[in-house]
Amino acid sequence: MSFKTLFDFEEALAQYTGAPYVVVTDGCTHAIELCMRFDQVKSTSFTAHTYLSIPMLMHQLGIEYELTNNHWSGEYQFNSTRIWDSARRLEPGMYQEGQLQCLSFGHGKPLQLGKCGAILT
């Protein structure tokens, strides 16, 4: 795959979601990791009804976290941050200004491309 193909995909995602910028990653968990590192998150809370990779990521990054019993559909926010796990959501105009929304394009997701993800920013 050429860089032009990636840039074209990022541009198409930006137009579709309304995000000013899109960064393609190799998966949603790594997208969340980049956002957590960029915003230097030290602690957060989030739903216990998430993927196993998320608490493992928090442990790896040394981020203190609490699990809540909130159920979610499409996306959930890491509390006290601007970071969202939007792994199961992909809709026109979904971007929320000022937020970092992490997408997944894996098996069973709205757009199934394989091991791939993105950050709407």
PDB file of N, CA and C in Angstrom:
ATOM      1  N   MET A   1       0.851  -1.178   0.000  1.00  0.00           N
ATOM      2  CA  MET A   1       0.000   0.000   0.000  1.00  0.00           C
ATOM      3  C   MET A   1       0.893   1.237   0.000  1.00  0.00           C
ATOM      4  N   SER A   2       0.564   2.200  -0.825  1.00  0.00           N
ATOM      5  CA  SER A   2       1.366   3.418  -0.927  1.00  0.00           C
ATOM      6  C   SER A   2       0.919   4.455   0.104  1.00  0.00           C
ATOM      7  N   PHE A   3       1.808   5.412   0.359  1.00  0.00           N
ATOM      8  CA  PHE A   3       1.440   6.503   1.265  1.00  0.00           C
ATOM      9  C   PHE A   3       0.262   7.290   0.715  1.00  0.00           C
ATOM     10  N   LYS A   4       0.190   7.434  -0.591  1.00  0.00           N
ATOM     11  CA  LYS A   4      -0.929   8.159  -1.190  1.00  0.00           C
ATOM     12  C   LYS A   4      -2.250   7.470  -0.842  1.00  0.00           C
ATOM     13  N   THR A   5      -2.263   6.161  -0.876  1.00  0.00           N
ATOM     14  CA  THR A   5      -3.476   5.416  -0.519  1.00  0.00           C
ATOM     15  C   THR A   5      -3.875   5.706   0.927  1.00  0.00           C
ATOM     16  N   LEU A   6      -2.890   5.710   1.831  1.00  0.00           N
ATOM     17  CA  LEU A   6      -3.174   6.017   3.240  1.00  0.00           C
ATOM     18  C   LEU A   6      -3.687   7.443   3.407  1.00  0.00           C
ATOM     19  N   PHE A   7      -3.028   8.388   2.746  1.00  0.00           N
ATOM     20  CA  PHE A   7      -3.454   9.784   2.842  1.00  0.00           C
ATOM     21  C   PHE A   7      -4.857   9.970   2.271  1.00  0.00           C
ATOM     22  N   ASP A   8      -5.150   9.290   1.176  1.00  0.00           N
ATOM     23  CA  ASP A   8      -6.490   9.361   0.582  1.00  0.00           C
ATOM     24  C   ASP A   8      -7.532   8.785   1.535  1.00  0.00           C
ATOM     25  N   PHE A   9      -7.181   7.671   2.199  1.00  0.00           N
ATOM     26  CA  PHE A   9      -8.104   7.060   3.163  1.00  0.00           C
ATOM     27  C   PHE A   9      -8.338   7.994   4.346  1.00  0.00           C
ATOM     28  N   GLU A  10      -7.260   8.604   4.868  1.00  0.00           N
ATOM     29  CA  GLU A  10      -7.400   9.549   5.980  1.00  0.00           C
ATOM     30  C   GLU A  10      -8.297  10.721   5.573  1.00  0.00           C
ATOM     31  N   GLU A  11      -8.087  11.235   4.382  1.00  0.00           N
ATOM     32  CA  GLU A  11      -8.894  12.363   3.900  1.00  0.00           C
ATOM     33  C   GLU A  11     -10.369  11.969   3.752  1.00  0.00           C
ATOM     34  N   ALA A  12     -10.624  10.782   3.214  1.00  0.00           N
ATOM     35  CA  ALA A  12     -12.004  10.310   3.053  1.00  0.00           C
ATOM     36  C   ALA A  12     -12.669  10.125   4.413  1.00  0.00           C
ATOM     37  N   LEU A  13     -11.935   9.573   5.391  1.00  0.00           N
ATOM     38  CA  LEU A  13     -12.478   9.418   6.750  1.00  0.00           C
ATOM     39  C   LEU A  13     -12.770  10.771   7.378  1.00  0.00           C
ATOM     40  N   ALA A  14     -11.872  11.725   7.181  1.00  0.00           N
ATOM     41  CA  ALA A  14     -12.077  13.072   7.726  1.00  0.00           C
ATOM     42  C   ALA A  14     -13.347  13.696   7.150  1.00  0.00           C
ATOM     43  N   GLN A  15     -13.520  13.598   5.855  1.00  0.00           N
ATOM     44  CA  GLN A  15     -14.718  14.154   5.226  1.00  0.00           C
ATOM     45  C   GLN A  15     -15.980  13.450   5.727  1.00  0.00           C
ATOM     46  N   TYR A  16     -15.933  12.143   5.841  1.00  0.00           N
ATOM     47  CA  TYR A  16     -17.101  11.358   6.264  1.00  0.00           C
ATOM     48  C   TYR A  16     -17.500  11.654   7.709  1.00  0.00           C
ATOM     49  N   THR A  17     -16.498  11.745   8.595  1.00  0.00           N
ATOM     50  CA  THR A  17     -16.788  11.910  10.028  1.00  0.00           C
ATOM     51  C   THR A  17     -16.869  13.364  10.467  1.00  0.00           C
ATOM     52  N   GLY A  18     -16.368  14.283   9.630  1.00  0.00           N
ATOM     53  CA  GLY A  18     -16.358  15.691   9.998  1.00  0.00           C
ATOM     54  C   GLY A  18     -15.142  16.101  10.803  1.00  0.00           C
ATOM     55  N   ALA A  19     -14.167  15.208  10.943  1.00  0.00           N
ATOM     56  CA  ALA A  19     -12.947  15.517  11.692  1.00  0.00           C
ATOM     57  C   ALA A  19     -12.010  16.363  10.843  1.00  0.00           C
ATOM     58  N   PRO A  20     -11.360  17.368  11.435  1.00  0.00           N
ATOM     59  CA  PRO A  20     -10.387  18.144  10.674  1.00  0.00           C
ATOM     60  C   PRO A  20      -9.207  17.295  10.213  1.00  0.00           C
ATOM     61  N   TYR A  21      -8.803  16.335  11.063  1.00  0.00           N
ATOM     62  CA  TYR A  21      -7.657  15.479  10.749  1.00  0.00           C
ATOM     63  C   TYR A  21      -7.957  14.045  11.163  1.00  0.00           C
ATOM     64  N   VAL A  22      -7.325  13.117  10.470  1.00  0.00           N
ATOM     65  CA  VAL A  22      -7.402  11.693  10.804  1.00  0.00           C
ATOM     66  C   VAL A  22      -5.995  11.125  10.708  1.00  0.00           C
ATOM     67  N   VAL A  23      -5.644  10.304  11.691  1.00  0.00           N
ATOM     68  CA  VAL A  23      -4.371   9.592  11.685  1.00  0.00           C
ATOM     69  C   VAL A  23      -4.688   8.103  11.700  1.00  0.00           C
ATOM     70  N   VAL A  24      -4.247   7.375  10.681  1.00  0.00           N
ATOM     71  CA  VAL A  24      -4.469   5.934  10.617  1.00  0.00           C
ATOM     72  C   VAL A  24      -3.426   5.232  11.479  1.00  0.00           C
ATOM     73  N   THR A  25      -3.857   4.212  12.216  1.00  0.00           N
ATOM     74  CA  THR A  25      -2.966   3.423  13.073  1.00  0.00           C
ATOM     75  C   THR A  25      -3.141   1.942  12.744  1.00  0.00           C
ATOM     76  N   ASP A  26      -2.381   1.114  13.437  1.00  0.00           N
ATOM     77  CA  ASP A  26      -2.492  -0.324  13.190  1.00  0.00           C
ATOM     78  C   ASP A  26      -3.596  -0.970  14.020  1.00  0.00           C
ATOM     79  N   GLY A  27      -4.299  -0.203  14.841  1.00  0.00           N
ATOM     80  CA  GLY A  27      -5.408  -0.729  15.619  1.00  0.00           C
ATOM     81  C   GLY A  27      -5.927   0.298  16.606  1.00  0.00           C
ATOM     82  N   CYS A  28      -7.098   0.045  17.149  1.00  0.00           N
ATOM     83  CA  CYS A  28      -7.734   0.983  18.076  1.00  0.00           C
ATOM     84  C   CYS A  28      -6.967   1.091  19.393  1.00  0.00           C
ATOM     85  N   THR A  29      -6.483  -0.023  19.917  1.00  0.00           N
ATOM     86  CA  THR A  29      -5.760   0.030  21.191  1.00  0.00           C
ATOM     87  C   THR A  29      -4.504   0.882  21.066  1.00  0.00           C
ATOM     88  N   HIS A  30      -3.794   0.746  19.950  1.00  0.00           N
ATOM     89  CA  HIS A  30      -2.611   1.592  19.756  1.00  0.00           C
ATOM     90  C   HIS A  30      -3.003   3.045  19.521  1.00  0.00           C
ATOM     91  N   ALA A  31      -4.142   3.287  18.918  1.00  0.00           N
ATOM     92  CA  ALA A  31      -4.641   4.660  18.775  1.00  0.00           C
ATOM     93  C   ALA A  31      -4.893   5.261  20.157  1.00  0.00           C
ATOM     94  N   ILE A  32      -5.535   4.480  21.033  1.00  0.00           N
ATOM     95  CA  ILE A  32      -5.793   4.945  22.405  1.00  0.00           C
ATOM     96  C   ILE A  32      -4.476   5.188  23.133  1.00  0.00           C
ATOM     97  N   GLU A  33      -3.511   4.292  22.942  1.00  0.00           N
ATOM     98  CA  GLU A  33      -2.197   4.470  23.575  1.00  0.00           C
ATOM     99  C   GLU A  33      -1.555   5.788  23.149  1.00  0.00           C
ATOM    100  N   LEU A  34      -1.554   6.079  21.861  1.00  0.00           N
ATOM    101  CA  LEU A  34      -0.971   7.331  21.378  1.00  0.00           C
ATOM    102  C   LEU A  34      -1.648   8.539  22.011  1.00  0.00           C
ATOM    103  N   CYS A  35      -2.971   8.490  22.114  1.00  0.00           N
ATOM    104  CA  CYS A  35      -3.724   9.609  22.702  1.00  0.00           C
ATOM    105  C   CYS A  35      -3.420   9.762  24.185  1.00  0.00           C
ATOM    106  N   MET A  36      -3.367   8.648  24.910  1.00  0.00           N
ATOM    107  CA  MET A  36      -3.056   8.691  26.345  1.00  0.00           C
ATOM    108  C   MET A  36      -1.658   9.275  26.567  1.00  0.00           C
ATOM    109  N   ARG A  37      -0.712   8.842  25.743  1.00  0.00           N
ATOM    110  CA  ARG A  37       0.653   9.367  25.858  1.00  0.00           C
ATOM    111  C   ARG A  37       0.705  10.856  25.491  1.00  0.00           C
ATOM    112  N   PHE A  38       0.035  11.234  24.417  1.00  0.00           N
ATOM    113  CA  PHE A  38       0.046  12.625  23.958  1.00  0.00           C
ATOM    114  C   PHE A  38      -0.534  13.560  25.011  1.00  0.00           C
ATOM    115  N   ASP A  39      -1.659  13.150  25.614  1.00  0.00           N
ATOM    116  CA  ASP A  39      -2.302  13.990  26.633  1.00  0.00           C
ATOM    117  C   ASP A  39      -1.735  13.756  28.034  1.00  0.00           C
ATOM    118  N   GLN A  40      -0.744  12.886  28.155  1.00  0.00           N
ATOM    119  CA  GLN A  40      -0.082  12.593  29.429  1.00  0.00           C
ATOM    120  C   GLN A  40      -1.078  12.266  30.536  1.00  0.00           C
ATOM    121  N   VAL A  41      -2.001  11.358  30.222  1.00  0.00           N
ATOM    122  CA  VAL A  41      -3.024  10.942  31.182  1.00  0.00           C
ATOM    123  C   VAL A  41      -2.368  10.175  32.324  1.00  0.00           C
ATOM    124  N   LYS A  42      -2.713  10.544  33.553  1.00  0.00           N
ATOM    125  CA  LYS A  42      -2.168   9.882  34.745  1.00  0.00           C
ATOM    126  C   LYS A  42      -3.188   8.976  35.414  1.00  0.00           C
ATOM    127  N   SER A  43      -4.482   9.325  35.266  1.00  0.00           N
ATOM    128  CA  SER A  43      -5.535   8.501  35.863  1.00  0.00           C
ATOM    129  C   SER A  43      -6.838   8.736  35.097  1.00  0.00           C
ATOM    130  N   THR A  44      -7.711   7.737  35.151  1.00  0.00           N
ATOM    131  CA  THR A  44      -8.997   7.818  34.464  1.00  0.00           C
ATOM    132  C   THR A  44      -9.910   6.731  35.015  1.00  0.00           C
ATOM    133  N   SER A  45     -11.134   6.759  34.583  1.00  0.00           N
ATOM    134  CA  SER A  45     -12.052   5.656  34.837  1.00  0.00           C
ATOM    135  C   SER A  45     -12.793   5.388  33.540  1.00  0.00           C
ATOM    136  N   PHE A  46     -13.243   4.144  33.389  1.00  0.00           N
ATOM    137  CA  PHE A  46     -13.941   3.752  32.178  1.00  0.00           C
ATOM    138  C   PHE A  46     -14.720   2.475  32.449  1.00  0.00           C
ATOM    139  N   THR A  47     -15.575   2.140  31.506  1.00  0.00           N
ATOM    140  CA  THR A  47     -16.446   0.989  31.673  1.00  0.00           C
ATOM    141  C   THR A  47     -15.667  -0.325  31.767  1.00  0.00           C
ATOM    142  N   ALA A  48     -16.132  -1.186  32.642  1.00  0.00           N
ATOM    143  CA  ALA A  48     -15.561  -2.536  32.742  1.00  0.00           C
ATOM    144  C   ALA A  48     -15.993  -3.391  31.556  1.00  0.00           C
ATOM    145  N   HIS A  49     -16.989  -2.936  30.825  1.00  0.00           N
ATOM    146  CA  HIS A  49     -17.511  -3.676  29.667  1.00  0.00           C
ATOM    147  C   HIS A  49     -16.753  -3.249  28.410  1.00  0.00           C
ATOM    148  N   THR A  50     -15.464  -3.457  28.421  1.00  0.00           N
ATOM    149  CA  THR A  50     -14.593  -3.072  27.314  1.00  0.00           C
ATOM    150  C   THR A  50     -13.732  -4.261  26.930  1.00  0.00           C
ATOM    151  N   TYR A  51     -12.809  -4.025  26.048  1.00  0.00           N
ATOM    152  CA  TYR A  51     -11.912  -5.082  25.596  1.00  0.00           C
ATOM    153  C   TYR A  51     -10.786  -5.273  26.607  1.00  0.00           C
ATOM    154  N   LEU A  52     -10.313  -6.485  26.760  1.00  0.00           N
ATOM    155  CA  LEU A  52      -9.256  -6.813  27.711  1.00  0.00           C
ATOM    156  C   LEU A  52      -7.993  -5.985  27.462  1.00  0.00           C
ATOM    157  N   SER A  53      -7.758  -5.616  26.218  1.00  0.00           N
ATOM    158  CA  SER A  53      -6.547  -4.863  25.890  1.00  0.00           C
ATOM    159  C   SER A  53      -6.510  -3.487  26.561  1.00  0.00           C
ATOM    160  N   ILE A  54      -7.659  -2.946  26.918  1.00  0.00           N
ATOM    161  CA  ILE A  54      -7.683  -1.589  27.483  1.00  0.00           C
ATOM    162  C   ILE A  54      -7.125  -1.550  28.907  1.00  0.00           C
ATOM    163  N   PRO A  55      -7.613  -2.388  29.849  1.00  0.00           N
ATOM    164  CA  PRO A  55      -6.961  -2.387  31.173  1.00  0.00           C
ATOM    165  C   PRO A  55      -5.482  -2.789  31.092  1.00  0.00           C
ATOM    166  N   MET A  56      -5.152  -3.699  30.171  1.00  0.00           N
ATOM    167  CA  MET A  56      -3.753  -4.094  29.995  1.00  0.00           C
ATOM    168  C   MET A  56      -2.914  -2.889  29.550  1.00  0.00           C
ATOM    169  N   LEU A  57      -3.477  -2.060  28.670  1.00  0.00           N
ATOM    170  CA  LEU A  57      -2.790  -0.858  28.217  1.00  0.00           C
ATOM    171  C   LEU A  57      -2.560   0.110  29.375  1.00  0.00           C
ATOM    172  N   MET A  58      -3.579   0.302  30.209  1.00  0.00           N
ATOM    173  CA  MET A  58      -3.449   1.213  31.344  1.00  0.00           C
ATOM    174  C   MET A  58      -2.321   0.741  32.265  1.00  0.00           C
ATOM    175  N   HIS A  59      -2.274  -0.567  32.500  1.00  0.00           N
ATOM    176  CA  HIS A  59      -1.222  -1.139  33.342  1.00  0.00           C
ATOM    177  C   HIS A  59       0.151  -0.880  32.711  1.00  0.00           C
ATOM    178  N   GLN A  60       0.267  -1.130  31.408  1.00  0.00           N
ATOM    179  CA  GLN A  60       1.527  -0.938  30.690  1.00  0.00           C
ATOM    180  C   GLN A  60       2.005   0.510  30.773  1.00  0.00           C
ATOM    181  N   LEU A  61       1.074   1.467  30.687  1.00  0.00           N
ATOM    182  CA  LEU A  61       1.428   2.890  30.697  1.00  0.00           C
ATOM    183  C   LEU A  61       1.552   3.470  32.107  1.00  0.00           C
ATOM    184  N   GLY A  62       1.212   2.678  33.116  1.00  0.00           N
ATOM    185  CA  GLY A  62       1.267   3.171  34.489  1.00  0.00           C
ATOM    186  C   GLY A  62       0.158   4.155  34.810  1.00  0.00           C
ATOM    187  N   ILE A  63      -0.956   4.061  34.113  1.00  0.00           N
ATOM    188  CA  ILE A  63      -2.098   4.943  34.351  1.00  0.00           C
ATOM    189  C   ILE A  63      -3.003   4.310  35.404  1.00  0.00           C
ATOM    190  N   GLU A  64      -3.288   5.050  36.456  1.00  0.00           N
ATOM    191  CA  GLU A  64      -4.223   4.569  37.470  1.00  0.00           C
ATOM    192  C   GLU A  64      -5.630   4.631  36.884  1.00  0.00           C
ATOM    193  N   TYR A  65      -6.426   3.590  37.140  1.00  0.00           N
ATOM    194  CA  TYR A  65      -7.774   3.574  36.575  1.00  0.00           C
ATOM    195  C   TYR A  65      -8.743   2.874  37.503  1.00  0.00           C
ATOM    196  N   GLU A  66      -9.994   3.237  37.346  1.00  0.00           N
ATOM    197  CA  GLU A  66     -11.104   2.559  38.018  1.00  0.00           C
ATOM    198  C   GLU A  66     -12.065   2.100  36.947  1.00  0.00           C
ATOM    199  N   LEU A  67     -12.661   0.946  37.175  1.00  0.00           N
ATOM    200  CA  LEU A  67     -13.660   0.422  36.259  1.00  0.00           C
ATOM    201  C   LEU A  67     -15.046   0.778  36.768  1.00  0.00           C
ATOM    202  N   THR A  68     -15.913   1.181  35.868  1.00  0.00           N
ATOM    203  CA  THR A  68     -17.295   1.499  36.206  1.00  0.00           C
ATOM    204  C   THR A  68     -18.199   0.421  35.621  1.00  0.00           C
ATOM    205  N   ASN A  69     -19.440   0.417  36.003  1.00  0.00           N
ATOM    206  CA  ASN A  69     -20.390  -0.574  35.500  1.00  0.00           C
ATOM    207  C   ASN A  69     -21.256   0.001  34.377  1.00  0.00           C
ATOM    208  N   ASN A  70     -20.795   1.057  33.742  1.00  0.00           N
ATOM    209  CA  ASN A  70     -21.557   1.683  32.663  1.00  0.00           C
ATOM    210  C   ASN A  70     -21.542   0.805  31.418  1.00  0.00           C
ATOM    211  N   HIS A  71     -22.698   0.650  30.821  1.00  0.00           N
ATOM    212  CA  HIS A  71     -22.792  -0.052  29.541  1.00  0.00           C
ATOM    213  C   HIS A  71     -22.668   0.989  28.433  1.00  0.00           C
ATOM    214  N   TRP A  72     -22.216   0.568  27.281  1.00  0.00           N
ATOM    215  CA  TRP A  72     -21.996   1.507  26.193  1.00  0.00           C
ATOM    216  C   TRP A  72     -22.445   0.904  24.882  1.00  0.00           C
ATOM    217  N   SER A  73     -22.675   1.789  23.943  1.00  0.00           N
ATOM    218  CA  SER A  73     -23.059   1.373  22.600  1.00  0.00           C
ATOM    219  C   SER A  73     -22.326   2.265  21.610  1.00  0.00           C
ATOM    220  N   GLY A  74     -21.450   1.695  20.828  1.00  0.00           N
ATOM    221  CA  GLY A  74     -20.731   2.453  19.815  1.00  0.00           C
ATOM    222  C   GLY A  74     -19.449   3.081  20.300  1.00  0.00           C
ATOM    223  N   GLU A  75     -19.497   3.780  21.422  1.00  0.00           N
ATOM    224  CA  GLU A  75     -18.310   4.442  21.955  1.00  0.00           C
ATOM    225  C   GLU A  75     -18.502   4.780  23.424  1.00  0.00           C
ATOM    226  N   TYR A  76     -17.396   4.986  24.111  1.00  0.00           N
ATOM    227  CA  TYR A  76     -17.420   5.474  25.489  1.00  0.00           C
ATOM    228  C   TYR A  76     -16.209   6.367  25.701  1.00  0.00           C
ATOM    229  N   GLN A  77     -16.330   7.256  26.673  1.00  0.00           N
ATOM    230  CA  GLN A  77     -15.250   8.193  26.964  1.00  0.00           C
ATOM    231  C   GLN A  77     -14.437   7.709  28.157  1.00  0.00           C
ATOM    232  N   PHE A  78     -13.131   7.934  28.109  1.00  0.00           N
ATOM    233  CA  PHE A  78     -12.285   7.738  29.281  1.00  0.00           C
ATOM    234  C   PHE A  78     -12.501   8.980  30.146  1.00  0.00           C
ATOM    235  N   ASN A  79     -13.125   8.796  31.307  1.00  0.00           N
ATOM    236  CA  ASN A  79     -13.530   9.924  32.142  1.00  0.00           C
ATOM    237  C   ASN A  79     -12.340  10.814  32.498  1.00  0.00           C
ATOM    238  N   SER A  80     -12.611  12.095  32.592  1.00  0.00           N
ATOM    239  CA  SER A  80     -11.620  13.146  32.874  1.00  0.00           C
ATOM    240  C   SER A  80     -10.589  13.289  31.763  1.00  0.00           C
ATOM    241  N   THR A  81     -10.933  12.825  30.555  1.00  0.00           N
ATOM    242  CA  THR A  81     -10.056  13.017  29.398  1.00  0.00           C
ATOM    243  C   THR A  81     -10.927  13.442  28.219  1.00  0.00           C
ATOM    244  N   ARG A  82     -10.273  13.737  27.110  1.00  0.00           N
ATOM    245  CA  ARG A  82     -10.990  14.022  25.867  1.00  0.00           C
ATOM    246  C   ARG A  82     -10.895  12.835  24.911  1.00  0.00           C
ATOM    247  N   ILE A  83     -10.513  11.682  25.437  1.00  0.00           N
ATOM    248  CA  ILE A  83     -10.256  10.489  24.635  1.00  0.00           C
ATOM    249  C   ILE A  83     -11.453   9.555  24.663  1.00  0.00           C
ATOM    250  N   TRP A  84     -11.824   9.070  23.484  1.00  0.00           N
ATOM    251  CA  TRP A  84     -12.970   8.178  23.322  1.00  0.00           C
ATOM    252  C   TRP A  84     -12.540   6.877  22.657  1.00  0.00           C
ATOM    253  N   ASP A  85     -13.086   5.773  23.137  1.00  0.00           N
ATOM    254  CA  ASP A  85     -12.963   4.491  22.448  1.00  0.00           C
ATOM    255  C   ASP A  85     -14.213   4.374  21.582  1.00  0.00           C
ATOM    256  N   SER A  86     -14.065   4.668  20.316  1.00  0.00           N
ATOM    257  CA  SER A  86     -15.182   4.637  19.363  1.00  0.00           C
ATOM    258  C   SER A  86     -15.068   3.414  18.446  1.00  0.00           C
ATOM    259  N   ALA A  87     -14.631   2.304  19.017  1.00  0.00           N
ATOM    260  CA  ALA A  87     -14.342   1.092  18.250  1.00  0.00           C
ATOM    261  C   ALA A  87     -15.549   0.561  17.486  1.00  0.00           C
ATOM    262  N   ARG A  88     -16.731   0.784  18.004  1.00  0.00           N
ATOM    263  CA  ARG A  88     -17.919   0.225  17.370  1.00  0.00           C
ATOM    264  C   ARG A  88     -18.818   1.295  16.754  1.00  0.00           C
ATOM    265  N   ARG A  89     -18.229   2.439  16.428  1.00  0.00           N
ATOM    266  CA  ARG A  89     -19.023   3.509  15.831  1.00  0.00           C
ATOM    267  C   ARG A  89     -18.298   4.064  14.614  1.00  0.00           C
ATOM    268  N   LEU A  90     -19.020   4.259  13.559  1.00  0.00           N
ATOM    269  CA  LEU A  90     -18.518   4.946  12.365  1.00  0.00           C
ATOM    270  C   LEU A  90     -19.734   5.499  11.641  1.00  0.00           C
ATOM    271  N   GLU A  91     -19.945   6.814  11.792  1.00  0.00           N
ATOM    272  CA  GLU A  91     -21.125   7.469  11.236  1.00  0.00           C
ATOM    273  C   GLU A  91     -20.745   8.808  10.611  1.00  0.00           C
ATOM    274  N   PRO A  92     -21.523   9.241   9.635  1.00  0.00           N
ATOM    275  CA  PRO A  92     -21.267  10.569   9.068  1.00  0.00           C
ATOM    276  C   PRO A  92     -21.392  11.642  10.150  1.00  0.00           C
ATOM    277  N   GLY A  93     -20.440  12.581  10.158  1.00  0.00           N
ATOM    278  CA  GLY A  93     -20.514  13.709  11.080  1.00  0.00           C
ATOM    279  C   GLY A  93     -20.348  13.361  12.545  1.00  0.00           C
ATOM    280  N   MET A  94     -19.763  12.227  12.868  1.00  0.00           N
ATOM    281  CA  MET A  94     -19.671  11.774  14.258  1.00  0.00           C
ATOM    282  C   MET A  94     -18.622  12.516  15.085  1.00  0.00           C
ATOM    283  N   TYR A  95     -17.710  13.204  14.427  1.00  0.00           N
ATOM    284  CA  TYR A  95     -16.617  13.848  15.161  1.00  0.00           C
ATOM    285  C   TYR A  95     -17.143  14.909  16.116  1.00  0.00           C
ATOM    286  N   GLN A  96     -16.604  14.900  17.341  1.00  0.00           N
ATOM    287  CA  GLN A  96     -16.941  15.881  18.366  1.00  0.00           C
ATOM    288  C   GLN A  96     -15.743  16.828  18.517  1.00  0.00           C
ATOM    289  N   GLU A  97     -15.963  18.086  18.264  1.00  0.00           N
ATOM    290  CA  GLU A  97     -14.887  19.073  18.259  1.00  0.00           C
ATOM    291  C   GLU A  97     -14.035  19.009  19.526  1.00  0.00           C
ATOM    292  N   GLY A  98     -12.714  19.030  19.335  1.00  0.00           N
ATOM    293  CA  GLY A  98     -11.780  19.046  20.454  1.00  0.00           C
ATOM    294  C   GLY A  98     -11.506  17.695  21.076  1.00  0.00           C
ATOM    295  N   GLN A  99     -12.130  16.658  20.579  1.00  0.00           N
ATOM    296  CA  GLN A  99     -11.983  15.327  21.159  1.00  0.00           C
ATOM    297  C   GLN A  99     -11.007  14.482  20.342  1.00  0.00           C
ATOM    298  N   LEU A 100     -10.542  13.393  20.937  1.00  0.00           N
ATOM    299  CA  LEU A 100      -9.731  12.388  20.257  1.00  0.00           C
ATOM    300  C   LEU A 100     -10.546  11.097  20.247  1.00  0.00           C
ATOM    301  N   GLN A 101     -11.058  10.729  19.098  1.00  0.00           N
ATOM    302  CA  GLN A 101     -11.935   9.566  18.973  1.00  0.00           C
ATOM    303  C   GLN A 101     -11.191   8.462  18.221  1.00  0.00           C
ATOM    304  N   CYS A 102     -11.048   7.313  18.875  1.00  0.00           N
ATOM    305  CA  CYS A 102     -10.257   6.207  18.336  1.00  0.00           C
ATOM    306  C   CYS A 102     -11.172   5.157  17.719  1.00  0.00           C
ATOM    307  N   LEU A 103     -10.911   4.824  16.461  1.00  0.00           N
ATOM    308  CA  LEU A 103     -11.735   3.898  15.691  1.00  0.00           C
ATOM    309  C   LEU A 103     -11.030   2.565  15.517  1.00  0.00           C
ATOM    310  N   SER A 104     -11.830   1.535  15.266  1.00  0.00           N
ATOM    311  CA  SER A 104     -11.310   0.212  14.951  1.00  0.00           C
ATOM    312  C   SER A 104     -11.922  -0.272  13.650  1.00  0.00           C
ATOM    313  N   PHE A 105     -11.096  -0.901  12.843  1.00  0.00           N
ATOM    314  CA  PHE A 105     -11.577  -1.473  11.586  1.00  0.00           C
ATOM    315  C   PHE A 105     -11.337  -2.977  11.559  1.00  0.00           C
ATOM    316  N   GLY A 106     -11.381  -3.591  12.729  1.00  0.00           N
ATOM    317  CA  GLY A 106     -11.162  -5.026  12.856  1.00  0.00           C
ATOM    318  C   GLY A 106     -12.420  -5.829  12.607  1.00  0.00           C
ATOM    319  N   HIS A 107     -12.314  -7.125  12.819  1.00  0.00           N
ATOM    320  CA  HIS A 107     -13.424  -8.059  12.625  1.00  0.00           C
ATOM    321  C   HIS A 107     -14.631  -7.657  13.484  1.00  0.00           C
ATOM    322  N   GLY A 108     -15.796  -7.636  12.883  1.00  0.00           N
ATOM    323  CA  GLY A 108     -17.028  -7.328  13.605  1.00  0.00           C
ATOM    324  C   GLY A 108     -17.291  -5.847  13.816  1.00  0.00           C
ATOM    325  N   LYS A 109     -16.447  -4.985  13.266  1.00  0.00           N
ATOM    326  CA  LYS A 109     -16.608  -3.544  13.431  1.00  0.00           C
ATOM    327  C   LYS A 109     -17.357  -2.975  12.221  1.00  0.00           C
ATOM    328  N   PRO A 110     -17.814  -1.708  12.306  1.00  0.00           N
ATOM    329  CA  PRO A 110     -18.595  -1.138  11.193  1.00  0.00           C
ATOM    330  C   PRO A 110     -17.887  -1.163   9.834  1.00  0.00           C
ATOM    331  N   LEU A 111     -16.564  -0.988   9.833  1.00  0.00           N
ATOM    332  CA  LEU A 111     -15.780  -1.073   8.602  1.00  0.00           C
ATOM    333  C   LEU A 111     -14.679  -2.101   8.854  1.00  0.00           C
ATOM    334  N   GLN A 112     -14.809  -3.268   8.239  1.00  0.00           N
ATOM    335  CA  GLN A 112     -13.904  -4.379   8.537  1.00  0.00           C
ATOM    336  C   GLN A 112     -12.775  -4.437   7.505  1.00  0.00           C
ATOM    337  N   LEU A 113     -11.623  -3.857   7.873  1.00  0.00           N
ATOM    338  CA  LEU A 113     -10.458  -3.838   6.988  1.00  0.00           C
ATOM    339  C   LEU A 113      -9.353  -4.763   7.478  1.00  0.00           C
ATOM    340  N   GLY A 114      -9.533  -5.362   8.622  1.00  0.00           N
ATOM    341  CA  GLY A 114      -8.482  -6.156   9.226  1.00  0.00           C
ATOM    342  C   GLY A 114      -7.931  -5.409  10.431  1.00  0.00           C
ATOM    343  N   LYS A 115      -6.713  -5.670  10.789  1.00  0.00           N
ATOM    344  CA  LYS A 115      -6.095  -5.012  11.946  1.00  0.00           C
ATOM    345  C   LYS A 115      -5.715  -3.584  11.554  1.00  0.00           C
ATOM    346  N   CYS A 116      -6.580  -2.663  11.888  1.00  0.00           N
ATOM    347  CA  CYS A 116      -6.387  -1.271  11.487  1.00  0.00           C
ATOM    348  C   CYS A 116      -7.254  -0.389  12.373  1.00  0.00           C
ATOM    349  N   GLY A 117      -6.852   0.839  12.571  1.00  0.00           N
ATOM    350  CA  GLY A 117      -7.625   1.781  13.351  1.00  0.00           C
ATOM    351  C   GLY A 117      -7.315   3.197  12.923  1.00  0.00           C
ATOM    352  N   ALA A 118      -7.867   4.165  13.655  1.00  0.00           N
ATOM    353  CA  ALA A 118      -7.618   5.569  13.321  1.00  0.00           C
ATOM    354  C   ALA A 118      -7.965   6.455  14.507  1.00  0.00           C
ATOM    355  N   ILE A 119      -7.424   7.647  14.476  1.00  0.00           N
ATOM    356  CA  ILE A 119      -7.740   8.681  15.469  1.00  0.00           C
ATOM    357  C   ILE A 119      -8.381   9.850  14.723  1.00  0.00           C
ATOM    358  N   LEU A 120      -9.577  10.235  15.168  1.00  0.00           N
ATOM    359  CA  LEU A 120     -10.214  11.450  14.662  1.00  0.00           C
ATOM    360  C   LEU A 120      -9.763  12.583  15.574  1.00  0.00           C
ATOM    361  N   THR A 121      -9.202  13.643  15.006  1.00  0.00           N
ATOM    362  CA  THR A 121      -8.692  14.742  15.810  1.00  0.00           C
ATOM    363  C   THR A 121      -8.913  16.075  15.118  1.00  0.00           C
TER     364      THR A 121
END
